[in-house]
Amino acid sequence: MLIRVAIVEDHDDFREGLYHILEGTEGFRCVGKFASVEEAVRNLPKADVFLMDIGLPGKSGIEGVKLVKQRYPETQVIMVTVFEDEANIIHAIVAGANGYLLKKTPPVKILNAIEETVTGGMPMTPLVARKAIEMFKQYAPKPQESSRLTEREKEILKLLVDGLNYNMIGEKLFISLDTVRNHIRHIYEKLRVHSKSEAVAKALKQRYV
């Protein structure tokens, strides 16, 4: 399988270095090399993978990702840049980048990354991957509401789903009606609902019980 690669890089030596690596390696073909996003868009080749710098004259490489994806949605775009800050990483990924490598990445690993992204992977320089994981932890959704319910609250929620009323729940669990009401109030707060029917519907939909 021949992998067609295009390069968008304004530093002549680095761009030519990538070109010669690709052309000198079996299974790869450079189908275009450009010094700016504008030049690439004017002559946009059909490539399997774009290697895209971020800090480019004119439009940034992050803008370039969007433009390439608009024309060729199936084309993979790997950022190859000196920027390792969180803002550029997250903006590139949100824009649609399929990989993120630092320029100090050895040539053989760049080739491996190209092959990886063509087969559905998302290659990243280890430092970038660590930062991406930390950002995921920071912005990850909060645990499902059910994980914050106590065992007693889950037990009461299941009894609500089974159709028991407050008095029946109290009798079954040997607790007072006021205690049942307190537990159910906490369940409503944690599930962010306002009635028994909403609590039951959410419990069934989200399979909390």
N, C-alpha and C. Protein backbone atom coordinates (compact mmCIF):
# COMPACT_ATOMS: atom_id res chain seq x y z
N MET A 1 0.85 -1.20 0.00
CA MET A 1 0.00 0.00 0.00
C MET A 1 0.88 1.25 0.00
N LEU A 2 0.64 2.12 -0.97
CA LEU A 2 1.39 3.37 -1.05
C LEU A 2 0.66 4.47 -0.28
N ILE A 3 1.35 5.08 0.67
CA ILE A 3 0.76 6.16 1.46
C ILE A 3 1.19 7.50 0.86
N ARG A 4 0.20 8.28 0.44
CA ARG A 4 0.47 9.58 -0.16
C ARG A 4 0.48 10.65 0.93
N VAL A 5 1.56 11.41 0.99
CA VAL A 5 1.74 12.39 2.07
C VAL A 5 2.01 13.76 1.49
N ALA A 6 1.38 14.79 2.06
CA ALA A 6 1.65 16.18 1.69
C ALA A 6 2.25 16.88 2.90
N ILE A 7 3.11 17.86 2.65
CA ILE A 7 3.82 18.57 3.73
C ILE A 7 3.48 20.06 3.65
N VAL A 8 3.12 20.63 4.81
CA VAL A 8 2.92 22.09 4.90
C VAL A 8 3.86 22.57 6.00
N GLU A 9 4.96 23.17 5.59
CA GLU A 9 6.04 23.55 6.51
C GLU A 9 6.82 24.71 5.91
N ASP A 10 7.00 25.81 6.67
CA ASP A 10 7.66 27.00 6.11
C ASP A 10 9.17 26.99 6.24
N HIS A 11 9.72 26.11 7.09
CA HIS A 11 11.19 26.04 7.19
C HIS A 11 11.73 25.13 6.09
N ASP A 12 12.49 25.73 5.19
CA ASP A 12 12.94 25.00 4.00
C ASP A 12 13.67 23.71 4.33
N ASP A 13 14.63 23.78 5.27
CA ASP A 13 15.45 22.60 5.56
C ASP A 13 14.59 21.47 6.14
N PHE A 14 13.69 21.83 7.04
CA PHE A 14 12.86 20.78 7.65
C PHE A 14 11.90 20.20 6.62
N ARG A 15 11.32 21.07 5.79
CA ARG A 15 10.40 20.59 4.75
C ARG A 15 11.11 19.65 3.78
N GLU A 16 12.32 20.05 3.34
CA GLU A 16 13.06 19.21 2.39
C GLU A 16 13.51 17.91 3.05
N GLY A 17 13.82 18.00 4.35
CA GLY A 17 14.21 16.79 5.06
C GLY A 17 13.07 15.78 5.09
N LEU A 18 11.88 16.25 5.40
CA LEU A 18 10.71 15.37 5.39
C LEU A 18 10.47 14.79 4.00
N TYR A 19 10.63 15.64 2.99
CA TYR A 19 10.41 15.21 1.61
C TYR A 19 11.35 14.06 1.25
N HIS A 20 12.62 14.20 1.56
CA HIS A 20 13.59 13.17 1.21
C HIS A 20 13.39 11.89 2.02
N ILE A 21 12.95 12.04 3.27
CA ILE A 21 12.65 10.86 4.08
C ILE A 21 11.51 10.06 3.43
N LEU A 22 10.48 10.77 3.04
CA LEU A 22 9.32 10.12 2.43
C LEU A 22 9.67 9.47 1.10
N GLU A 23 10.34 10.24 0.25
CA GLU A 23 10.67 9.74 -1.08
C GLU A 23 11.70 8.61 -1.03
N GLY A 24 12.47 8.57 0.04
CA GLY A 24 13.49 7.54 0.15
C GLY A 24 13.05 6.30 0.89
N THR A 25 11.77 6.27 1.27
CA THR A 25 11.25 5.12 2.03
C THR A 25 10.18 4.41 1.23
N GLU A 26 10.35 3.11 1.07
CA GLU A 26 9.38 2.32 0.32
C GLU A 26 8.01 2.38 0.99
N GLY A 27 6.98 2.57 0.19
CA GLY A 27 5.62 2.61 0.70
C GLY A 27 5.10 4.01 0.94
N PHE A 28 5.97 5.02 0.74
CA PHE A 28 5.56 6.41 0.95
C PHE A 28 5.81 7.22 -0.34
N ARG A 29 4.97 8.20 -0.56
CA ARG A 29 5.15 9.09 -1.69
C ARG A 29 4.75 10.51 -1.28
N CYS A 30 5.61 11.48 -1.50
CA CYS A 30 5.26 12.87 -1.21
C CYS A 30 4.52 13.44 -2.42
N VAL A 31 3.28 13.83 -2.23
CA VAL A 31 2.46 14.33 -3.35
C VAL A 31 2.34 15.85 -3.34
N GLY A 32 3.04 16.51 -2.42
CA GLY A 32 3.01 17.97 -2.39
C GLY A 32 3.77 18.50 -1.19
N LYS A 33 4.47 19.61 -1.40
CA LYS A 33 5.18 20.27 -0.29
C LYS A 33 4.98 21.77 -0.44
N PHE A 34 4.53 22.40 0.66
CA PHE A 34 4.11 23.79 0.61
C PHE A 34 4.66 24.55 1.82
N ALA A 35 4.86 25.86 1.62
CA ALA A 35 5.43 26.70 2.67
C ALA A 35 4.36 27.42 3.47
N SER A 36 3.09 27.32 3.06
CA SER A 36 2.01 28.00 3.77
C SER A 36 0.70 27.28 3.52
N VAL A 37 -0.27 27.55 4.39
CA VAL A 37 -1.61 26.98 4.22
C VAL A 37 -2.22 27.49 2.93
N GLU A 38 -2.03 28.80 2.66
CA GLU A 38 -2.62 29.39 1.46
C GLU A 38 -2.11 28.69 0.19
N GLU A 39 -0.82 28.42 0.14
CA GLU A 39 -0.25 27.75 -1.02
C GLU A 39 -0.80 26.32 -1.13
N ALA A 40 -0.91 25.66 0.00
CA ALA A 40 -1.43 24.29 0.00
C ALA A 40 -2.87 24.24 -0.48
N VAL A 41 -3.68 25.19 -0.03
CA VAL A 41 -5.10 25.21 -0.40
C VAL A 41 -5.27 25.50 -1.90
N ARG A 42 -4.42 26.37 -2.43
CA ARG A 42 -4.50 26.68 -3.87
C ARG A 42 -4.19 25.46 -4.72
N ASN A 43 -3.34 24.58 -4.21
CA ASN A 43 -2.90 23.42 -4.98
C ASN A 43 -3.19 22.12 -4.25
N LEU A 44 -4.28 22.09 -3.52
CA LEU A 44 -4.54 21.01 -2.58
C LEU A 44 -4.55 19.63 -3.24
N PRO A 45 -3.54 18.84 -2.94
CA PRO A 45 -3.48 17.50 -3.54
C PRO A 45 -4.34 16.52 -2.75
N LYS A 46 -4.70 15.42 -3.40
CA LYS A 46 -5.42 14.35 -2.70
C LYS A 46 -4.37 13.48 -2.02
N ALA A 47 -4.28 13.62 -0.71
CA ALA A 47 -3.28 12.88 0.05
C ALA A 47 -3.96 12.04 1.12
N ASP A 48 -3.28 10.99 1.55
CA ASP A 48 -3.78 10.19 2.66
C ASP A 48 -3.50 10.88 3.99
N VAL A 49 -2.35 11.56 4.04
CA VAL A 49 -1.92 12.22 5.28
C VAL A 49 -1.27 13.56 4.95
N PHE A 50 -1.60 14.59 5.73
CA PHE A 50 -0.91 15.87 5.68
C PHE A 50 -0.04 15.99 6.93
N LEU A 51 1.21 16.38 6.76
CA LEU A 51 2.06 16.77 7.87
C LEU A 51 2.01 18.28 7.94
N MET A 52 1.47 18.83 9.02
CA MET A 52 1.15 20.26 9.09
C MET A 52 1.85 20.95 10.26
N ASP A 53 2.62 21.96 9.95
CA ASP A 53 3.19 22.80 11.01
C ASP A 53 2.08 23.68 11.57
N ILE A 54 2.29 24.25 12.75
CA ILE A 54 1.31 25.17 13.32
C ILE A 54 1.71 26.61 13.06
N GLY A 55 2.95 26.97 13.39
CA GLY A 55 3.41 28.35 13.23
C GLY A 55 3.82 28.63 11.80
N LEU A 56 2.86 29.01 10.98
CA LEU A 56 3.09 29.27 9.56
C LEU A 56 2.80 30.73 9.22
N PRO A 57 3.41 31.26 8.17
CA PRO A 57 3.07 32.62 7.74
C PRO A 57 1.64 32.63 7.21
N GLY A 58 0.90 33.69 7.51
CA GLY A 58 -0.50 33.72 7.08
C GLY A 58 -1.36 32.88 8.01
N LYS A 59 -2.18 32.02 7.45
CA LYS A 59 -3.05 31.17 8.26
C LYS A 59 -2.22 30.16 9.04
N SER A 60 -2.66 29.87 10.26
CA SER A 60 -1.94 28.90 11.08
C SER A 60 -2.25 27.48 10.62
N GLY A 61 -1.42 26.55 11.06
CA GLY A 61 -1.67 25.16 10.73
C GLY A 61 -2.97 24.64 11.29
N ILE A 62 -3.42 25.20 12.41
CA ILE A 62 -4.70 24.79 12.99
C ILE A 62 -5.84 25.18 12.06
N GLU A 63 -5.74 26.37 11.47
CA GLU A 63 -6.73 26.76 10.45
C GLU A 63 -6.59 25.85 9.23
N GLY A 64 -5.36 25.46 8.95
CA GLY A 64 -5.12 24.57 7.82
C GLY A 64 -5.79 23.22 7.97
N VAL A 65 -5.81 22.70 9.19
CA VAL A 65 -6.50 21.42 9.45
C VAL A 65 -7.95 21.52 9.00
N LYS A 66 -8.61 22.58 9.41
CA LYS A 66 -10.03 22.75 9.07
C LYS A 66 -10.23 22.81 7.56
N LEU A 67 -9.35 23.54 6.86
CA LEU A 67 -9.50 23.70 5.42
C LEU A 67 -9.26 22.39 4.68
N VAL A 68 -8.27 21.64 5.13
CA VAL A 68 -8.01 20.33 4.51
C VAL A 68 -9.21 19.40 4.74
N LYS A 69 -9.73 19.39 5.96
CA LYS A 69 -10.84 18.50 6.29
C LYS A 69 -12.12 18.88 5.54
N GLN A 70 -12.27 20.18 5.27
CA GLN A 70 -13.44 20.61 4.52
C GLN A 70 -13.41 20.04 3.10
N ARG A 71 -12.24 20.02 2.50
CA ARG A 71 -12.09 19.52 1.13
C ARG A 71 -12.04 17.99 1.10
N TYR A 72 -11.25 17.42 1.99
CA TYR A 72 -11.06 15.98 2.02
C TYR A 72 -11.28 15.45 3.44
N PRO A 73 -12.52 15.20 3.83
CA PRO A 73 -12.81 14.79 5.21
C PRO A 73 -12.08 13.52 5.66
N GLU A 74 -11.76 12.64 4.73
CA GLU A 74 -11.13 11.37 5.10
C GLU A 74 -9.61 11.50 5.25
N THR A 75 -9.05 12.63 4.82
CA THR A 75 -7.61 12.82 4.92
C THR A 75 -7.19 12.99 6.37
N GLN A 76 -6.11 12.33 6.75
CA GLN A 76 -5.58 12.44 8.11
C GLN A 76 -4.59 13.61 8.17
N VAL A 77 -4.61 14.34 9.27
CA VAL A 77 -3.68 15.47 9.43
C VAL A 77 -2.91 15.29 10.73
N ILE A 78 -1.58 15.26 10.61
CA ILE A 78 -0.72 15.17 11.78
C ILE A 78 0.01 16.50 11.95
N MET A 79 -0.13 17.11 13.11
CA MET A 79 0.61 18.33 13.39
C MET A 79 2.06 17.94 13.69
N VAL A 80 3.00 18.65 13.08
CA VAL A 80 4.43 18.44 13.35
C VAL A 80 4.98 19.82 13.69
N THR A 81 5.24 20.08 14.96
CA THR A 81 5.46 21.44 15.41
C THR A 81 6.43 21.51 16.59
N VAL A 82 6.86 22.72 16.91
CA VAL A 82 7.68 22.92 18.11
C VAL A 82 6.81 23.25 19.31
N PHE A 83 5.54 23.55 19.07
CA PHE A 83 4.66 23.97 20.17
C PHE A 83 4.18 22.77 20.98
N GLU A 84 4.40 22.83 22.29
CA GLU A 84 3.97 21.74 23.16
C GLU A 84 3.08 22.24 24.29
N ASP A 85 2.51 23.44 24.12
CA ASP A 85 1.63 24.00 25.15
C ASP A 85 0.23 23.43 25.01
N GLU A 86 -0.51 23.46 26.10
CA GLU A 86 -1.83 22.86 26.14
C GLU A 86 -2.80 23.53 25.16
N ALA A 87 -2.71 24.85 25.02
CA ALA A 87 -3.64 25.56 24.15
C ALA A 87 -3.55 25.07 22.71
N ASN A 88 -2.32 24.97 22.19
CA ASN A 88 -2.17 24.51 20.81
C ASN A 88 -2.58 23.05 20.65
N ILE A 89 -2.27 22.23 21.64
CA ILE A 89 -2.65 20.81 21.57
C ILE A 89 -4.16 20.67 21.48
N ILE A 90 -4.86 21.32 22.39
CA ILE A 90 -6.32 21.16 22.43
C ILE A 90 -6.98 21.81 21.22
N HIS A 91 -6.47 22.97 20.76
CA HIS A 91 -7.06 23.61 19.59
C HIS A 91 -6.86 22.77 18.34
N ALA A 92 -5.70 22.14 18.23
CA ALA A 92 -5.44 21.28 17.07
C ALA A 92 -6.36 20.08 17.07
N ILE A 93 -6.53 19.46 18.22
CA ILE A 93 -7.39 18.28 18.31
C ILE A 93 -8.84 18.65 18.02
N VAL A 94 -9.30 19.76 18.58
CA VAL A 94 -10.67 20.21 18.33
C VAL A 94 -10.87 20.54 16.85
N ALA A 95 -9.83 21.08 16.20
CA ALA A 95 -9.93 21.42 14.78
C ALA A 95 -10.01 20.18 13.90
N GLY A 96 -9.60 19.02 14.44
CA GLY A 96 -9.69 17.79 13.67
C GLY A 96 -8.39 17.07 13.43
N ALA A 97 -7.30 17.52 14.08
CA ALA A 97 -6.01 16.86 13.89
C ALA A 97 -6.08 15.40 14.35
N ASN A 98 -5.41 14.54 13.60
CA ASN A 98 -5.41 13.11 13.90
C ASN A 98 -4.15 12.65 14.61
N GLY A 99 -3.22 13.57 14.84
CA GLY A 99 -1.99 13.24 15.53
C GLY A 99 -1.25 14.52 15.87
N TYR A 100 -0.30 14.43 16.79
CA TYR A 100 0.42 15.63 17.22
C TYR A 100 1.84 15.22 17.60
N LEU A 101 2.81 15.61 16.77
CA LEU A 101 4.21 15.27 16.99
C LEU A 101 5.04 16.54 17.15
N LEU A 102 6.07 16.44 17.96
CA LEU A 102 7.02 17.54 18.06
C LEU A 102 8.10 17.35 16.99
N LYS A 103 8.69 18.45 16.55
CA LYS A 103 9.66 18.38 15.45
C LYS A 103 10.91 17.58 15.80
N LYS A 104 11.17 17.44 17.08
CA LYS A 104 12.35 16.66 17.47
C LYS A 104 12.10 15.16 17.38
N THR A 105 10.90 14.75 16.96
CA THR A 105 10.60 13.33 16.79
C THR A 105 11.52 12.72 15.74
N PRO A 106 12.17 11.60 16.02
CA PRO A 106 13.05 10.95 15.04
C PRO A 106 12.30 10.59 13.76
N PRO A 107 12.97 10.65 12.61
CA PRO A 107 12.32 10.36 11.32
C PRO A 107 11.57 9.03 11.28
N VAL A 108 12.17 7.98 11.83
CA VAL A 108 11.51 6.68 11.78
C VAL A 108 10.19 6.70 12.55
N LYS A 109 10.12 7.49 13.63
CA LYS A 109 8.88 7.57 14.40
C LYS A 109 7.83 8.41 13.67
N ILE A 110 8.28 9.36 12.88
CA ILE A 110 7.33 10.12 12.04
C ILE A 110 6.71 9.18 11.02
N LEU A 111 7.51 8.34 10.39
CA LEU A 111 6.99 7.37 9.43
C LEU A 111 6.03 6.40 10.12
N ASN A 112 6.40 5.94 11.31
CA ASN A 112 5.52 5.05 12.05
C ASN A 112 4.20 5.73 12.39
N ALA A 113 4.27 7.03 12.71
CA ALA A 113 3.06 7.79 13.05
C ALA A 113 2.15 7.92 11.84
N ILE A 114 2.73 8.12 10.67
CA ILE A 114 1.94 8.21 9.44
C ILE A 114 1.19 6.90 9.21
N GLU A 115 1.89 5.79 9.35
CA GLU A 115 1.26 4.48 9.17
C GLU A 115 0.17 4.26 10.22
N GLU A 116 0.45 4.69 11.44
CA GLU A 116 -0.51 4.51 12.53
C GLU A 116 -1.80 5.28 12.28
N THR A 117 -1.67 6.52 11.82
CA THR A 117 -2.88 7.32 11.62
C THR A 117 -3.71 6.82 10.45
N VAL A 118 -3.06 6.26 9.44
CA VAL A 118 -3.78 5.70 8.29
C VAL A 118 -4.62 4.50 8.72
N THR A 119 -4.16 3.79 9.73
CA THR A 119 -4.89 2.61 10.21
C THR A 119 -5.82 2.92 11.37
N GLY A 120 -6.06 4.22 11.61
CA GLY A 120 -7.05 4.61 12.62
C GLY A 120 -6.50 5.05 13.95
N GLY A 121 -5.17 5.09 14.09
CA GLY A 121 -4.58 5.53 15.35
C GLY A 121 -4.49 7.04 15.45
N MET A 122 -4.07 7.50 16.62
CA MET A 122 -3.88 8.93 16.84
C MET A 122 -2.51 9.13 17.49
N PRO A 123 -1.45 9.12 16.70
CA PRO A 123 -0.10 9.18 17.27
C PRO A 123 0.21 10.52 17.91
N MET A 124 0.92 10.45 19.03
CA MET A 124 1.35 11.66 19.73
C MET A 124 2.74 11.45 20.30
N THR A 125 3.54 12.50 20.28
CA THR A 125 4.80 12.47 21.01
C THR A 125 4.48 12.19 22.47
N PRO A 126 5.27 11.36 23.18
CA PRO A 126 4.96 11.02 24.58
C PRO A 126 4.64 12.21 25.47
N LEU A 127 5.40 13.30 25.35
CA LEU A 127 5.14 14.48 26.17
C LEU A 127 3.75 15.04 25.88
N VAL A 128 3.39 15.09 24.61
CA VAL A 128 2.08 15.60 24.21
C VAL A 128 0.98 14.67 24.74
N ALA A 129 1.22 13.36 24.63
CA ALA A 129 0.23 12.40 25.11
C ALA A 129 -0.02 12.58 26.61
N ARG A 130 1.05 12.79 27.37
CA ARG A 130 0.89 12.99 28.82
C ARG A 130 0.07 14.23 29.10
N LYS A 131 0.35 15.30 28.35
CA LYS A 131 -0.40 16.54 28.56
C LYS A 131 -1.86 16.36 28.17
N ALA A 132 -2.10 15.61 27.09
CA ALA A 132 -3.48 15.36 26.66
C ALA A 132 -4.24 14.59 27.72
N ILE A 133 -3.58 13.62 28.35
CA ILE A 133 -4.21 12.83 29.41
C ILE A 133 -4.54 13.72 30.61
N GLU A 134 -3.61 14.60 30.96
CA GLU A 134 -3.85 15.51 32.08
C GLU A 134 -5.01 16.45 31.79
N MET A 135 -5.08 16.92 30.53
CA MET A 135 -6.20 17.79 30.15
C MET A 135 -7.51 17.02 30.20
N PHE A 136 -7.49 15.75 29.79
CA PHE A 136 -8.69 14.93 29.84
C PHE A 136 -9.16 14.79 31.29
N LYS A 137 -8.22 14.55 32.18
CA LYS A 137 -8.59 14.43 33.60
C LYS A 137 -9.22 15.72 34.11
N GLN A 138 -8.66 16.84 33.66
CA GLN A 138 -9.14 18.14 34.13
C GLN A 138 -10.54 18.45 33.63
N TYR A 139 -10.78 18.10 32.35
CA TYR A 139 -12.05 18.47 31.74
C TYR A 139 -13.02 17.30 31.61
N ALA A 140 -12.65 16.13 32.11
CA ALA A 140 -13.52 14.97 31.99
C ALA A 140 -14.85 15.21 32.70
N PRO A 141 -15.93 14.64 32.16
CA PRO A 141 -17.23 14.79 32.83
C PRO A 141 -17.18 14.24 34.24
N LYS A 142 -18.01 14.78 35.09
CA LYS A 142 -18.09 14.28 36.45
C LYS A 142 -18.67 12.86 36.42
N PRO A 143 -18.34 12.06 37.43
CA PRO A 143 -18.88 10.69 37.47
C PRO A 143 -20.40 10.71 37.40
N GLN A 144 -20.97 9.64 36.85
CA GLN A 144 -22.42 9.57 36.77
C GLN A 144 -23.03 9.75 38.15
N GLU A 145 -24.25 10.34 38.13
CA GLU A 145 -24.91 10.62 39.39
C GLU A 145 -25.06 9.36 40.23
N SER A 146 -25.27 8.21 39.57
CA SER A 146 -25.51 6.98 40.31
C SER A 146 -24.32 6.60 41.18
N SER A 147 -23.11 6.97 40.74
CA SER A 147 -21.93 6.60 41.52
C SER A 147 -21.83 7.41 42.81
N ARG A 148 -22.62 8.48 42.90
CA ARG A 148 -22.59 9.29 44.12
C ARG A 148 -23.71 8.90 45.09
N LEU A 149 -24.57 7.99 44.67
CA LEU A 149 -25.63 7.53 45.56
C LEU A 149 -25.05 6.55 46.58
N THR A 150 -25.52 6.65 47.80
CA THR A 150 -25.11 5.67 48.80
C THR A 150 -25.82 4.35 48.53
N GLU A 151 -25.36 3.29 49.18
CA GLU A 151 -26.00 1.98 48.98
C GLU A 151 -27.46 2.02 49.43
N ARG A 152 -27.74 2.73 50.50
CA ARG A 152 -29.12 2.85 50.98
C ARG A 152 -29.97 3.61 49.96
N GLU A 153 -29.41 4.69 49.38
CA GLU A 153 -30.15 5.47 48.38
C GLU A 153 -30.42 4.64 47.13
N LYS A 154 -29.44 3.83 46.73
CA LYS A 154 -29.67 2.95 45.57
C LYS A 154 -30.77 1.93 45.87
N GLU A 155 -30.76 1.44 47.10
CA GLU A 155 -31.78 0.47 47.52
C GLU A 155 -33.17 1.10 47.47
N ILE A 156 -33.27 2.34 47.95
CA ILE A 156 -34.56 3.03 47.95
C ILE A 156 -34.98 3.36 46.51
N LEU A 157 -34.04 3.76 45.68
CA LEU A 157 -34.35 4.07 44.29
C LEU A 157 -34.90 2.83 43.58
N LYS A 158 -34.32 1.68 43.86
CA LYS A 158 -34.80 0.44 43.24
C LYS A 158 -36.23 0.14 43.69
N LEU A 159 -36.52 0.41 44.96
CA LEU A 159 -37.87 0.17 45.46
C LEU A 159 -38.86 1.14 44.82
N LEU A 160 -38.42 2.38 44.56
CA LEU A 160 -39.27 3.32 43.84
C LEU A 160 -39.57 2.80 42.43
N VAL A 161 -38.54 2.29 41.77
CA VAL A 161 -38.72 1.72 40.43
C VAL A 161 -39.68 0.54 40.47
N ASP A 162 -39.62 -0.23 41.58
CA ASP A 162 -40.50 -1.39 41.71
C ASP A 162 -41.94 -1.00 42.02
N GLY A 163 -42.17 0.30 42.26
CA GLY A 163 -43.54 0.77 42.47
C GLY A 163 -43.96 0.96 43.91
N LEU A 164 -43.05 0.81 44.86
CA LEU A 164 -43.41 0.97 46.27
C LEU A 164 -43.57 2.45 46.61
N ASN A 165 -44.52 2.75 47.50
CA ASN A 165 -44.66 4.13 47.96
C ASN A 165 -43.80 4.35 49.19
N TYR A 166 -43.81 5.58 49.72
CA TYR A 166 -42.92 5.91 50.83
C TYR A 166 -43.18 5.02 52.06
N ASN A 167 -44.47 4.82 52.39
CA ASN A 167 -44.80 4.01 53.56
C ASN A 167 -44.32 2.58 53.39
N MET A 168 -44.53 2.04 52.19
CA MET A 168 -44.13 0.65 51.94
C MET A 168 -42.61 0.50 52.01
N ILE A 169 -41.87 1.53 51.50
CA ILE A 169 -40.41 1.50 51.57
C ILE A 169 -39.96 1.51 53.02
N GLY A 170 -40.59 2.37 53.84
CA GLY A 170 -40.23 2.45 55.26
C GLY A 170 -40.45 1.12 55.96
N GLU A 171 -41.60 0.50 55.66
CA GLU A 171 -41.90 -0.78 56.31
C GLU A 171 -40.93 -1.87 55.87
N LYS A 172 -40.60 -1.88 54.60
CA LYS A 172 -39.71 -2.93 54.08
C LYS A 172 -38.29 -2.79 54.63
N LEU A 173 -37.84 -1.54 54.80
CA LEU A 173 -36.47 -1.31 55.25
C LEU A 173 -36.37 -1.04 56.75
N PHE A 174 -37.53 -1.05 57.42
CA PHE A 174 -37.58 -0.81 58.87
C PHE A 174 -37.00 0.55 59.24
N ILE A 175 -37.40 1.58 58.47
CA ILE A 175 -36.99 2.95 58.77
C ILE A 175 -38.23 3.83 58.78
N SER A 176 -38.11 5.00 59.42
CA SER A 176 -39.27 5.88 59.55
C SER A 176 -39.60 6.57 58.23
N LEU A 177 -40.83 7.08 58.15
CA LEU A 177 -41.27 7.80 56.95
C LEU A 177 -40.40 9.03 56.72
N ASP A 178 -40.04 9.73 57.80
CA ASP A 178 -39.18 10.91 57.67
C ASP A 178 -37.80 10.53 57.11
N THR A 179 -37.29 9.40 57.53
CA THR A 179 -35.99 8.94 57.02
C THR A 179 -36.10 8.63 55.53
N VAL A 180 -37.20 8.01 55.13
CA VAL A 180 -37.42 7.72 53.70
C VAL A 180 -37.44 9.03 52.92
N ARG A 181 -38.18 10.01 53.44
CA ARG A 181 -38.28 11.30 52.74
C ARG A 181 -36.90 11.95 52.61
N ASN A 182 -36.10 11.89 53.66
CA ASN A 182 -34.75 12.48 53.60
C ASN A 182 -33.89 11.81 52.54
N HIS A 183 -33.95 10.49 52.51
CA HIS A 183 -33.17 9.76 51.51
C HIS A 183 -33.63 10.14 50.09
N ILE A 184 -34.93 10.21 49.89
CA ILE A 184 -35.46 10.50 48.55
C ILE A 184 -35.12 11.94 48.14
N ARG A 185 -35.11 12.86 49.12
CA ARG A 185 -34.71 14.24 48.81
C ARG A 185 -33.26 14.25 48.31
N HIS A 186 -32.39 13.48 48.96
CA HIS A 186 -30.99 13.41 48.54
C HIS A 186 -30.86 12.75 47.16
N ILE A 187 -31.69 11.75 46.92
CA ILE A 187 -31.67 11.10 45.60
C ILE A 187 -32.05 12.10 44.51
N TYR A 188 -33.10 12.88 44.75
CA TYR A 188 -33.54 13.88 43.78
C TYR A 188 -32.41 14.88 43.50
N GLU A 189 -31.74 15.33 44.57
CA GLU A 189 -30.66 16.31 44.40
C GLU A 189 -29.52 15.73 43.57
N LYS A 190 -29.14 14.49 43.85
CA LYS A 190 -28.01 13.89 43.15
C LYS A 190 -28.34 13.54 41.70
N LEU A 191 -29.59 13.13 41.47
CA LEU A 191 -30.00 12.81 40.09
C LEU A 191 -30.49 14.03 39.32
N ARG A 192 -30.61 15.15 40.04
CA ARG A 192 -31.08 16.41 39.44
C ARG A 192 -32.48 16.23 38.84
N VAL A 193 -33.37 15.66 39.63
CA VAL A 193 -34.76 15.50 39.23
C VAL A 193 -35.64 16.14 40.30
N HIS A 194 -36.95 16.23 40.00
CA HIS A 194 -37.84 16.94 40.93
C HIS A 194 -39.06 16.13 41.32
N SER A 195 -39.15 14.90 40.86
CA SER A 195 -40.32 14.09 41.20
C SER A 195 -39.98 12.62 41.15
N LYS A 196 -40.88 11.82 41.73
CA LYS A 196 -40.69 10.37 41.72
C LYS A 196 -40.65 9.83 40.29
N SER A 197 -41.55 10.33 39.46
CA SER A 197 -41.61 9.83 38.08
C SER A 197 -40.32 10.14 37.32
N GLU A 198 -39.75 11.34 37.55
CA GLU A 198 -38.49 11.70 36.89
C GLU A 198 -37.36 10.82 37.40
N ALA A 199 -37.35 10.55 38.70
CA ALA A 199 -36.30 9.71 39.29
C ALA A 199 -36.37 8.29 38.73
N VAL A 200 -37.59 7.75 38.64
CA VAL A 200 -37.77 6.40 38.10
C VAL A 200 -37.37 6.35 36.64
N ALA A 201 -37.79 7.35 35.87
CA ALA A 201 -37.47 7.37 34.44
C ALA A 201 -35.96 7.44 34.22
N LYS A 202 -35.28 8.29 35.01
CA LYS A 202 -33.84 8.43 34.85
C LYS A 202 -33.12 7.16 35.29
N ALA A 203 -33.61 6.54 36.36
CA ALA A 203 -33.00 5.31 36.84
C ALA A 203 -33.09 4.22 35.78
N LEU A 204 -34.23 4.13 35.12
CA LEU A 204 -34.41 3.11 34.08
C LEU A 204 -33.60 3.43 32.83
N LYS A 205 -33.63 4.69 32.42
CA LYS A 205 -32.91 5.09 31.21
C LYS A 205 -31.41 4.92 31.36
N GLN A 206 -30.88 5.33 32.51
CA GLN A 206 -29.43 5.26 32.74
C GLN A 206 -29.00 3.95 33.38
N ARG A 207 -29.96 3.06 33.62
CA ARG A 207 -29.67 1.75 34.23
C ARG A 207 -28.92 1.89 35.56
N TYR A 208 -29.46 2.78 36.40
CA TYR A 208 -28.85 2.98 37.71
C TYR A 208 -29.18 1.81 38.65
N VAL A 209 -30.27 1.11 38.35
CA VAL A 209 -30.70 -0.01 39.21
C VAL A 209 -30.96 -1.23 38.36
